[in-house]
Amino acid sequence: MISLHPKPLPFHFFPKQPKPKTLTLRVQSLLQYNRKPQLAGDTPRVVVITSGKGGVGKTTTTANIGLSLARLGFSVVAIDADVGLRNLDLLLGLENRVNYTVVEVLNGDCRLDQALVRDKRWSNFELLCISKPRSKLPLGFGGKALIWLVDALKNREEGKPDFILIDCPAGIDAGFITAITPANEAVLVTTPDITSLRDADRVTGLLECDGIRDIKMIVNRVRTDMIKGEDMMSVLDVQEMLGLPLLGVIPDDPEVIRSTNRGYPLVLNKPPALAGLAFEQAAWRLVEQDSMKAVMMEEEPKKRGFFSFFGG
């Protein structure tokens, strides 16, 4: 017999609606990246990207954040300050176009505009290499020469750039001291392992001794599955250990190796990779001198049975 009174729908049939406050935050976070960021601070902003430990992703960060800034409409000059072991031109796919370097400019063999390599994809992005591979710098080259170079970029006829990014070499020797000398901001790249964190802590102290107080951190190669399994430190743990504002969190992404071998930065991929999106958001925060908050990763809730309502 067919009942004329339909049974009431079970409670779980109705989707759980987000709270108004949560929904508002979600909408604000989506709308935030639909506008051009407001450039904070005086230009040009000279930012050194460093870490201390090699192989943590400094050059990858420089390439992707630099092109992200260019895509946002800002003029960028990226300086590869790694003497004899430059790689920034490879990651950008510009290795065949570097004919002159800063050494030739200082020796009077070419003009500064001849040493600058303009990216054909984004004309407001330029690359400047300190020296050629496997070459040595003259004895007189140091922090003062790099300060002269930055001043020359400020006073050139085409106009001063909005950002000057300096890709710092690994270590804390003379090359590191030279690279940080003209900078007034620093982006510290680290990975969530104890060796990288020890070096990052040491570099933070050296940056502060050099007068650089605006230091932000990017945590690279983060794997949420290892964090949940307690095999990797969380971003919150890293931030508590170093005590630095967080500029971005870059997930471990196999697309990084593919883009590196192609000389095609992640942020130009279509569709965008997860790591590329994270670099774009980090560039956005860098423009507005903003930072993000690390949150504790919640464990997945356990499935509740029928007797759980009665305390079982």
Protein backbone atom coordinates (compact mmCIF):
# COMPACT_ATOMS: atom_id res chain seq x y z
CA MET A 1 0.00 0.00 0.00
CA ILE A 2 1.35 3.38 -1.04
CA SER A 3 1.58 5.90 1.76
CA LEU A 4 0.40 9.42 1.05
CA HIS A 5 2.79 10.81 3.65
CA PRO A 6 6.36 10.60 2.38
CA LYS A 7 9.04 9.77 4.85
CA PRO A 8 11.17 12.66 6.06
CA LEU A 9 14.59 12.91 4.45
CA PRO A 10 17.49 11.81 6.63
CA PHE A 11 19.52 14.55 8.26
CA HIS A 12 22.68 13.79 6.31
CA PHE A 13 20.85 14.42 3.01
CA PHE A 14 20.98 18.17 3.50
CA PRO A 15 24.46 19.59 2.74
CA LYS A 16 26.13 21.41 5.55
CA GLN A 17 26.13 25.11 4.81
CA PRO A 18 29.25 27.10 5.64
CA LYS A 19 29.01 29.63 8.38
CA PRO A 20 28.53 33.23 7.17
CA LYS A 21 31.90 34.32 8.55
CA THR A 22 33.72 31.42 6.86
CA LEU A 23 31.93 32.10 3.58
CA THR A 24 32.91 35.78 3.74
CA LEU A 25 36.57 34.89 4.29
CA ARG A 26 36.47 32.52 1.32
CA VAL A 27 34.97 35.17 -0.94
CA GLN A 28 37.53 37.75 0.22
CA SER A 29 40.41 35.35 -0.44
CA LEU A 30 39.11 34.70 -3.97
CA LEU A 31 38.57 38.37 -4.75
CA GLN A 32 41.99 39.33 -3.38
CA TYR A 33 43.84 37.93 -6.41
CA ASN A 34 41.46 39.48 -8.95
CA ARG A 35 43.08 42.90 -8.62
CA LYS A 36 46.55 44.26 -9.18
CA PRO A 37 48.54 44.39 -5.92
CA GLN A 38 49.56 47.77 -4.57
CA LEU A 39 53.32 48.25 -4.58
CA ALA A 40 54.55 49.08 -1.08
CA GLY A 41 57.80 50.85 -0.24
CA ASP A 42 60.18 52.98 -2.27
CA THR A 43 61.38 51.78 -5.66
CA PRO A 44 63.47 50.09 -6.69
CA ARG A 45 63.13 47.48 -3.99
CA VAL A 46 66.37 45.51 -3.81
CA VAL A 47 65.63 41.97 -2.59
CA VAL A 48 68.27 39.29 -2.06
CA ILE A 49 67.09 35.67 -2.25
CA THR A 50 69.30 33.51 -0.08
CA SER A 51 69.40 30.41 2.09
CA GLY A 52 72.92 29.47 3.15
CA LYS A 53 72.45 25.82 2.21
CA GLY A 54 72.74 24.89 -1.44
CA GLY A 55 70.07 23.03 -3.38
CA VAL A 56 67.01 24.31 -1.50
CA GLY A 57 65.53 26.23 -4.44
CA LYS A 58 66.95 29.77 -4.40
CA THR A 59 67.38 30.03 -8.16
CA THR A 60 64.00 28.43 -8.84
CA THR A 61 62.42 30.92 -6.45
CA THR A 62 64.20 33.86 -8.12
CA ALA A 63 63.07 32.81 -11.60
CA ASN A 64 59.43 32.16 -10.70
CA ILE A 65 58.90 35.13 -8.40
CA GLY A 66 60.67 37.42 -10.88
CA LEU A 67 58.43 36.39 -13.76
CA SER A 68 55.36 36.51 -11.50
CA LEU A 69 56.19 40.13 -10.67
CA ALA A 70 56.62 40.87 -14.38
CA ARG A 71 53.23 39.31 -15.13
CA LEU A 72 51.70 41.56 -12.49
CA GLY A 73 52.97 44.55 -14.46
CA PHE A 74 56.13 45.47 -12.53
CA SER A 75 59.55 45.97 -14.11
CA VAL A 76 62.10 43.48 -12.77
CA VAL A 77 65.86 43.04 -13.08
CA ALA A 78 67.16 39.68 -11.83
CA ILE A 79 70.87 39.54 -11.03
CA ASP A 80 72.61 36.16 -10.92
CA ALA A 81 75.32 36.79 -8.32
CA ASP A 82 76.67 33.24 -8.31
CA VAL A 83 80.21 33.58 -9.68
CA GLY A 84 81.34 30.74 -11.94
CA LEU A 85 78.26 28.59 -11.17
CA ARG A 86 75.40 30.63 -12.59
CA ASN A 87 72.16 28.77 -13.33
CA LEU A 88 69.47 31.44 -13.45
CA ASP A 89 69.87 31.83 -17.22
CA LEU A 90 69.23 28.10 -17.67
CA LEU A 91 66.01 28.13 -15.65
CA LEU A 92 64.78 31.10 -17.69
CA GLY A 93 65.81 29.61 -21.03
CA LEU A 94 68.10 32.58 -21.77
CA GLU A 95 71.48 30.85 -21.71
CA ASN A 96 72.11 31.41 -25.45
CA ARG A 97 71.46 35.13 -25.23
CA VAL A 98 73.98 36.08 -22.52
CA ASN A 99 76.82 37.73 -24.46
CA TYR A 100 78.08 40.21 -21.87
CA THR A 101 78.23 40.20 -18.08
CA VAL A 102 78.90 42.65 -15.28
CA VAL A 103 82.62 41.94 -15.52
CA GLU A 104 82.66 43.28 -19.10
CA VAL A 105 80.67 46.34 -17.96
CA LEU A 106 83.19 47.11 -15.22
CA ASN A 107 86.11 46.59 -17.59
CA GLY A 108 84.58 49.04 -20.08
CA ASP A 109 84.11 46.42 -22.80
CA CYS A 110 80.35 47.04 -23.10
CA ARG A 111 77.54 49.20 -21.83
CA LEU A 112 75.15 48.17 -19.06
CA ASP A 113 72.20 47.97 -21.45
CA GLN A 114 74.18 45.52 -23.61
CA ALA A 115 74.67 43.17 -20.63
CA LEU A 116 70.98 43.21 -19.75
CA VAL A 117 69.06 40.35 -21.41
CA ARG A 118 65.38 41.16 -21.98
CA ASP A 119 62.95 38.26 -21.84
CA LYS A 120 60.97 37.94 -25.08
CA ARG A 121 57.92 36.55 -23.27
CA TRP A 122 57.70 39.46 -20.80
CA SER A 123 59.60 42.55 -21.93
CA ASN A 124 59.54 44.09 -18.43
CA PHE A 125 61.78 41.29 -17.12
CA GLU A 126 65.56 41.50 -17.59
CA LEU A 127 68.44 39.23 -16.59
CA LEU A 128 71.93 40.36 -15.62
CA CYS A 129 74.74 37.89 -14.93
CA ILE A 130 77.78 38.77 -12.84
CA SER A 131 80.25 36.61 -14.76
CA LYS A 132 80.53 33.82 -17.29
CA PRO A 133 80.55 30.15 -16.22
CA ARG A 134 83.83 28.84 -14.81
CA SER A 135 85.32 32.32 -14.67
CA LYS A 136 86.85 34.22 -11.78
CA LEU A 137 86.06 37.73 -10.65
CA PRO A 138 88.71 40.43 -10.57
CA LEU A 139 90.26 41.00 -7.16
CA GLY A 140 88.65 44.41 -6.80
CA PHE A 141 85.09 43.12 -7.20
CA GLY A 142 83.03 43.18 -4.02
CA GLY A 143 80.06 44.74 -2.32
CA LYS A 144 80.95 48.27 -3.48
CA ALA A 145 80.93 47.16 -7.12
CA LEU A 146 77.46 45.65 -6.68
CA ILE A 147 76.25 48.85 -5.02
CA TRP A 148 77.55 50.79 -8.05
CA LEU A 149 75.67 48.38 -10.31
CA VAL A 150 72.39 48.86 -8.43
CA ASP A 151 72.84 52.65 -8.53
CA ALA A 152 73.45 52.44 -12.28
CA LEU A 153 70.18 50.53 -12.70
CA LYS A 154 68.38 53.21 -10.70
CA ASN A 155 69.71 56.03 -12.89
CA ARG A 156 69.47 54.50 -16.37
CA GLU A 157 67.63 56.35 -19.12
CA GLU A 158 64.89 53.72 -19.53
CA GLY A 159 63.81 54.35 -15.96
CA LYS A 160 64.49 52.53 -12.74
CA PRO A 161 63.00 49.07 -12.23
CA ASP A 162 60.40 48.34 -9.56
CA PHE A 163 62.30 45.30 -8.27
CA ILE A 164 65.93 44.20 -8.34
CA LEU A 165 66.18 40.54 -7.34
CA ILE A 166 69.62 39.20 -6.42
CA ASP A 167 70.10 35.42 -6.65
CA CYS A 168 72.58 34.82 -3.84
CA PRO A 169 75.19 32.03 -4.04
CA ALA A 170 75.21 29.23 -1.49
CA GLY A 171 77.39 29.48 1.60
CA ILE A 172 78.35 32.45 3.75
CA ASP A 173 81.69 33.34 2.21
CA ALA A 174 82.72 36.41 0.20
CA GLY A 175 80.15 35.77 -2.53
CA PHE A 176 77.35 35.85 0.04
CA ILE A 177 78.65 39.08 1.60
CA THR A 178 78.89 40.69 -1.84
CA ALA A 179 75.35 39.68 -2.81
CA ILE A 180 73.64 40.98 0.34
CA THR A 181 75.51 44.32 0.47
CA PRO A 182 73.13 46.44 -1.69
CA ALA A 183 69.92 44.74 -0.49
CA ASN A 184 67.39 46.22 1.92
CA GLU A 185 65.09 43.16 1.94
CA ALA A 186 65.73 39.43 2.04
CA VAL A 187 63.76 36.31 1.14
CA LEU A 188 65.10 33.28 2.98
CA VAL A 189 64.41 29.97 1.21
CA THR A 190 64.47 26.84 3.34
CA THR A 191 63.18 23.29 3.36
CA PRO A 192 61.64 21.52 6.38
CA ASP A 193 64.76 19.55 7.37
CA ILE A 194 67.20 20.17 10.19
CA THR A 195 70.27 20.84 8.04
CA SER A 196 68.54 23.53 6.02
CA LEU A 197 67.03 25.09 9.14
CA ARG A 198 70.40 25.30 10.90
CA ASP A 199 71.91 27.13 7.92
CA ALA A 200 68.85 29.37 7.61
CA ASP A 201 69.12 30.39 11.25
CA ARG A 202 72.79 31.25 10.77
CA VAL A 203 72.06 33.29 7.64
CA THR A 204 69.28 35.18 9.43
CA GLY A 205 71.77 36.36 12.03
CA LEU A 206 74.23 37.49 9.33
CA LEU A 207 71.52 39.39 7.47
CA GLU A 208 70.49 41.22 10.64
CA CYS A 209 74.12 42.07 11.39
CA ASP A 210 74.36 43.60 7.91
CA GLY A 211 71.37 45.84 8.68
CA ILE A 212 68.71 43.91 6.75
CA ARG A 213 65.68 43.74 9.04
CA ASP A 214 62.95 42.98 6.51
CA ILE A 215 63.43 39.21 6.21
CA LYS A 216 60.69 36.88 5.06
CA MET A 217 60.74 33.12 4.63
CA ILE A 218 59.66 30.70 1.91
CA VAL A 219 59.34 27.04 2.91
CA ASN A 220 60.00 24.89 -0.14
CA ARG A 221 59.28 21.23 -0.98
CA VAL A 222 56.54 20.70 1.58
CA ARG A 223 54.81 17.30 1.56
CA THR A 224 51.55 17.11 3.47
CA ASP A 225 51.54 13.30 3.50
CA MET A 226 54.87 13.22 5.33
CA ILE A 227 53.72 15.92 7.73
CA LYS A 228 50.61 13.90 8.59
CA GLY A 229 52.79 10.85 9.12
CA GLU A 230 55.08 12.93 11.38
CA ASP A 231 58.02 12.24 9.06
CA MET A 232 58.49 15.92 8.20
CA MET A 233 58.32 19.09 10.23
CA SER A 234 55.25 21.20 9.59
CA VAL A 235 55.42 24.77 8.32
CA LEU A 236 54.25 25.91 11.74
CA ASP A 237 57.22 24.14 13.33
CA VAL A 238 59.61 25.79 10.87
CA GLN A 239 58.17 29.21 11.56
CA GLU A 240 58.41 28.73 15.32
CA MET A 241 62.05 27.66 15.01
CA LEU A 242 63.17 30.54 12.79
CA GLY A 243 60.77 33.21 14.02
CA LEU A 244 60.37 34.83 10.59
CA PRO A 245 57.28 36.08 8.73
CA LEU A 246 56.06 33.55 6.19
CA LEU A 247 56.03 34.72 2.57
CA GLY A 248 54.96 31.46 0.98
CA VAL A 249 54.72 27.67 1.18
CA ILE A 250 55.74 25.76 -1.95
CA PRO A 251 54.51 22.15 -2.23
CA ASP A 252 56.80 19.42 -3.51
CA ASP A 253 55.89 19.17 -7.19
CA PRO A 254 57.48 16.95 -9.88
CA GLU A 255 56.66 19.66 -12.42
CA VAL A 256 59.59 21.68 -10.99
CA ILE A 257 62.15 19.30 -12.54
CA ARG A 258 60.32 19.25 -15.88
CA SER A 259 60.16 23.04 -16.08
CA THR A 260 63.81 23.35 -15.07
CA ASN A 261 64.96 21.02 -17.83
CA ARG A 262 62.85 22.89 -20.38
CA GLY A 263 64.01 26.35 -19.29
CA TYR A 264 60.37 27.31 -18.83
CA PRO A 265 59.43 28.61 -15.35
CA LEU A 266 56.51 27.05 -13.50
CA VAL A 267 54.42 30.22 -13.39
CA LEU A 268 54.12 30.19 -17.19
CA ASN A 269 52.62 26.68 -17.34
CA LYS A 270 49.08 26.24 -18.64
CA PRO A 271 47.28 24.83 -16.76
CA PRO A 272 49.27 26.13 -13.78
CA ALA A 273 51.03 23.72 -11.48
CA LEU A 274 50.42 23.80 -7.73
CA ALA A 275 53.96 25.00 -7.06
CA GLY A 276 53.54 27.70 -9.71
CA LEU A 277 50.38 29.00 -8.05
CA ALA A 278 52.20 29.09 -4.71
CA PHE A 279 55.03 31.15 -6.25
CA GLU A 280 52.51 33.59 -7.73
CA GLN A 281 50.87 34.11 -4.34
CA ALA A 282 54.29 34.61 -2.73
CA ALA A 283 55.09 37.28 -5.35
CA TRP A 284 51.78 38.98 -4.57
CA ARG A 285 52.66 39.15 -0.87
CA LEU A 286 56.14 40.43 -1.68
CA VAL A 287 54.65 43.34 -3.63
CA GLU A 288 52.41 44.41 -0.76
CA GLN A 289 54.99 43.50 1.94
CA ASP A 290 52.46 41.08 3.34
CA SER A 291 52.86 37.66 4.95
CA MET A 292 50.76 34.56 5.56
CA LYS A 293 49.96 32.51 8.64
CA ALA A 294 50.92 28.91 9.12
CA VAL A 295 48.18 26.75 10.60
CA MET A 296 48.32 23.45 12.39
CA MET A 297 47.37 20.57 10.13
CA GLU A 298 44.26 18.90 11.46
CA GLU A 299 43.97 15.15 11.62
CA GLU A 300 41.22 13.49 9.63
CA PRO A 301 38.18 12.89 11.85
CA LYS A 302 37.56 9.28 12.77
CA LYS A 303 34.42 7.63 11.48
CA ARG A 304 31.72 7.56 14.12
CA GLY A 305 29.46 4.58 14.53
CA PHE A 306 25.91 4.37 15.81
CA PHE A 307 26.95 3.80 19.42
CA SER A 308 29.18 6.90 19.38
CA PHE A 309 26.14 8.98 20.19
CA PHE A 310 25.93 7.11 23.47
CA GLY A 311 29.61 7.56 24.26
CA GLY A 312 30.72 4.31 22.53
